[in-house]
Amino acid sequence: MPIEQRQHTRFSVEIPAVIFTKYGERQETVLQQISIGGCFTGWEENIFAGDEFRIEVVLPNGNRLPLLCKAVYRFENTGVGVRFIDITEFEQSLVAKIIIEKLRSEGMPTDVDLFTNSAAAEKDQTPRITDARQEREDKLERVMSSEESF
C-alpha cells in the first residue's frame, strides 16, 4: 500500500505473533512493518486478500492481545498485508506499547507518536527507496506505452 494511503506510521520491527485462520489453523508468524492500524506478516498459504482471521501478540506484561484482522493484499511467497479491524482505542494503545517496547529493546528512539498520520510525517523526510522504485516503474510504463521507437 502506498505510504500516502496509510493512516498511521509503520515501524520496521519484528514482533512474534500467532495467527488463527478462519479454519482454526494455528501458525506462528512474525509481524513486520507494524502500526496501530495494521502490519505485514510472513507468508501464509491459507490466507488470501479479503480473508478475516485473528492474530495474537504477546504484550510486555506477558498477556496476549487478540486482534481481528483482514488480509488487504497478498504477495505470493512473500507475505500478507493486514489491516486490524474493529480495533478499539484501548487496543491501539496496547499495540503502541508493544511497538515502543520493541523499539526500546532494540536501542531505537522511543519518542515517537504512533498516532500520527504517516503521509504528514513522510513529507518531512528524504525520498524513500520505494519512491525511486516507483519513478523507475513510471518511466518504464511511459516507454512501454510509447509508440515512438528509440
Protein backbone atom coordinates (compact mmCIF):
# COMPACT_ATOMS: atom_id res chain seq x y z
CA MET A 1 0.00 0.00 0.00
CA PRO A 2 1.44 3.41 -0.92
CA ILE A 3 2.54 5.46 2.06
CA GLU A 4 0.05 8.22 1.15
CA GLN A 5 -2.85 5.81 1.75
CA ARG A 6 -1.74 4.67 5.19
CA GLN A 7 -3.38 6.28 8.17
CA HIS A 8 -0.57 5.55 10.63
CA THR A 9 3.21 5.38 10.54
CA ARG A 10 4.57 1.85 10.31
CA PHE A 11 7.68 0.71 12.14
CA SER A 12 10.23 -1.79 10.84
CA VAL A 13 10.39 -4.09 13.82
CA GLU A 14 9.80 -7.82 14.08
CA ILE A 15 7.20 -8.92 16.60
CA PRO A 16 6.40 -12.60 17.16
CA ALA A 17 2.71 -13.48 16.95
CA VAL A 18 0.31 -16.34 16.34
CA ILE A 19 -2.24 -16.41 13.52
CA PHE A 20 -5.52 -18.27 13.88
CA THR A 21 -7.13 -18.75 10.46
CA LYS A 22 -10.86 -18.98 9.80
CA TYR A 23 -10.33 -22.75 9.51
CA GLY A 24 -8.97 -22.96 13.07
CA GLU A 25 -5.37 -23.42 11.98
CA ARG A 26 -2.73 -22.02 14.31
CA GLN A 27 0.50 -20.70 12.79
CA GLU A 28 3.39 -18.85 14.41
CA THR A 29 4.48 -15.79 12.44
CA VAL A 30 6.43 -12.56 12.69
CA LEU A 31 4.73 -9.19 12.29
CA GLN A 32 6.73 -6.60 10.38
CA GLN A 33 6.06 -3.05 9.27
CA ILE A 34 3.57 -2.65 12.10
CA SER A 35 1.41 0.33 13.02
CA ILE A 36 -1.60 0.77 15.26
CA GLY A 37 -3.76 0.11 12.20
CA GLY A 38 -2.13 -2.92 10.57
CA CYS A 39 1.03 -4.77 9.67
CA PHE A 40 2.79 -7.01 7.20
CA THR A 41 3.20 -10.63 8.20
CA GLY A 42 5.12 -13.54 6.79
CA TRP A 43 3.80 -15.82 4.08
CA GLU A 44 0.68 -17.76 4.97
CA GLU A 45 -0.53 -20.25 2.34
CA ASN A 46 -4.14 -20.29 3.54
CA ILE A 47 -4.76 -16.56 3.82
CA PHE A 48 -5.98 -14.62 0.80
CA ALA A 49 -6.95 -10.98 0.23
CA GLY A 50 -10.30 -10.39 1.91
CA ASP A 51 -9.93 -13.19 4.47
CA GLU A 52 -10.57 -12.37 8.11
CA PHE A 53 -8.58 -14.04 10.88
CA ARG A 54 -7.18 -13.42 14.35
CA ILE A 55 -3.65 -12.54 15.39
CA GLU A 56 -2.45 -12.80 18.98
CA VAL A 57 0.51 -10.74 20.10
CA VAL A 58 2.25 -11.00 23.47
CA LEU A 59 2.09 -7.79 25.49
CA PRO A 60 5.11 -6.57 27.51
CA ASN A 61 3.40 -7.86 30.70
CA GLY A 62 3.07 -11.38 29.21
CA ASN A 63 -0.67 -11.25 28.48
CA ARG A 64 -1.90 -11.84 24.93
CA LEU A 65 -3.66 -9.26 22.77
CA PRO A 66 -6.09 -10.82 20.25
CA LEU A 67 -6.66 -8.67 17.16
CA LEU A 68 -9.27 -9.25 14.49
CA CYS A 69 -7.64 -8.79 11.09
CA LYS A 70 -8.40 -8.64 7.40
CA ALA A 71 -5.90 -9.50 4.66
CA VAL A 72 -5.72 -6.45 2.42
CA TYR A 73 -3.18 -7.78 -0.09
CA ARG A 74 -1.04 -10.85 -0.59
CA PHE A 75 2.40 -11.10 -2.15
CA GLU A 76 2.90 -14.64 -3.41
CA ASN A 77 5.63 -16.44 -1.38
CA THR A 78 6.41 -13.22 0.50
CA GLY A 79 3.70 -12.16 2.91
CA VAL A 80 0.31 -10.68 3.64
CA GLY A 81 -0.65 -7.05 4.26
CA VAL A 82 -3.05 -6.91 7.20
CA ARG A 83 -5.48 -4.29 8.49
CA PHE A 84 -6.67 -4.54 12.08
CA ILE A 85 -10.48 -4.35 12.04
CA ASP A 86 -12.84 -3.25 14.78
CA ILE A 87 -9.81 -2.20 16.83
CA THR A 88 -10.64 -0.03 19.84
CA GLU A 89 -8.60 2.93 21.06
CA PHE A 90 -7.58 0.83 24.05
CA GLU A 91 -6.33 -1.97 21.77
CA GLN A 92 -4.47 0.61 19.66
CA SER A 93 -2.78 1.88 22.80
CA LEU A 94 -1.72 -1.70 23.62
CA VAL A 95 -0.30 -2.16 20.11
CA ALA A 96 1.54 1.14 20.61
CA LYS A 97 3.03 -0.22 23.85
CA ILE A 98 4.19 -3.37 22.04
CA ILE A 99 5.88 -1.27 19.34
CA ILE A 100 7.50 1.11 21.86
CA GLU A 101 8.79 -1.82 23.95
CA LYS A 102 10.27 -3.46 20.84
CA LEU A 103 11.94 -0.18 19.79
CA ARG A 104 13.31 0.23 23.34
CA SER A 105 14.68 -3.35 23.41
CA GLU A 106 16.48 -2.71 20.10
CA GLY A 107 18.01 0.56 21.33
CA MET A 108 15.92 2.65 18.95
CA PRO A 109 14.41 6.06 19.79
CA THR A 110 11.06 5.76 21.52
CA ASP A 111 9.95 9.39 21.42
CA VAL A 112 7.60 8.77 18.51
CA ASP A 113 3.92 9.47 18.02
CA LEU A 114 2.34 6.26 16.80
CA PHE A 115 -0.98 8.01 16.22
CA THR A 116 0.46 10.45 13.62
CA ASN A 117 -0.75 10.24 10.04
CA SER A 118 2.10 8.66 8.06
CA ALA A 119 1.59 10.85 4.96
CA ALA A 120 2.06 14.01 7.03
CA ALA A 121 5.14 12.58 8.74
CA GLU A 122 6.61 11.43 5.43
CA LYS A 123 6.56 14.94 3.90
CA ASP A 124 9.43 15.99 6.15
CA GLN A 125 11.70 13.08 5.23
CA THR A 126 14.03 12.41 2.32
CA PRO A 127 12.77 10.24 -0.55
CA ARG A 128 12.48 6.56 0.23
CA ILE A 129 13.82 3.69 -1.82
CA THR A 130 10.27 2.84 -2.83
CA ASP A 131 9.96 6.36 -4.32
CA ALA A 132 12.92 5.64 -6.62
CA ARG A 133 11.39 2.30 -7.50
CA GLN A 134 8.07 3.95 -8.36
CA GLU A 135 9.90 6.50 -10.50
CA ARG A 136 11.61 3.67 -12.44
CA GLU A 137 8.30 1.88 -12.87
CA ASP A 138 6.64 5.08 -14.12
CA LYS A 139 9.45 5.61 -16.64
CA LEU A 140 9.20 2.03 -17.80
CA GLU A 141 5.44 2.37 -18.22
CA ARG A 142 5.90 5.53 -20.32
CA VAL A 143 8.49 3.80 -22.51
CA MET A 144 6.43 0.63 -22.90
CA SER A 145 3.26 2.54 -23.80
CA SER A 146 5.00 4.88 -26.24
CA GLU A 147 4.64 4.24 -29.93
CA GLU A 148 7.88 6.02 -30.64
CA SER A 149 10.96 3.93 -31.35
CA PHE A 150 14.24 4.62 -29.63
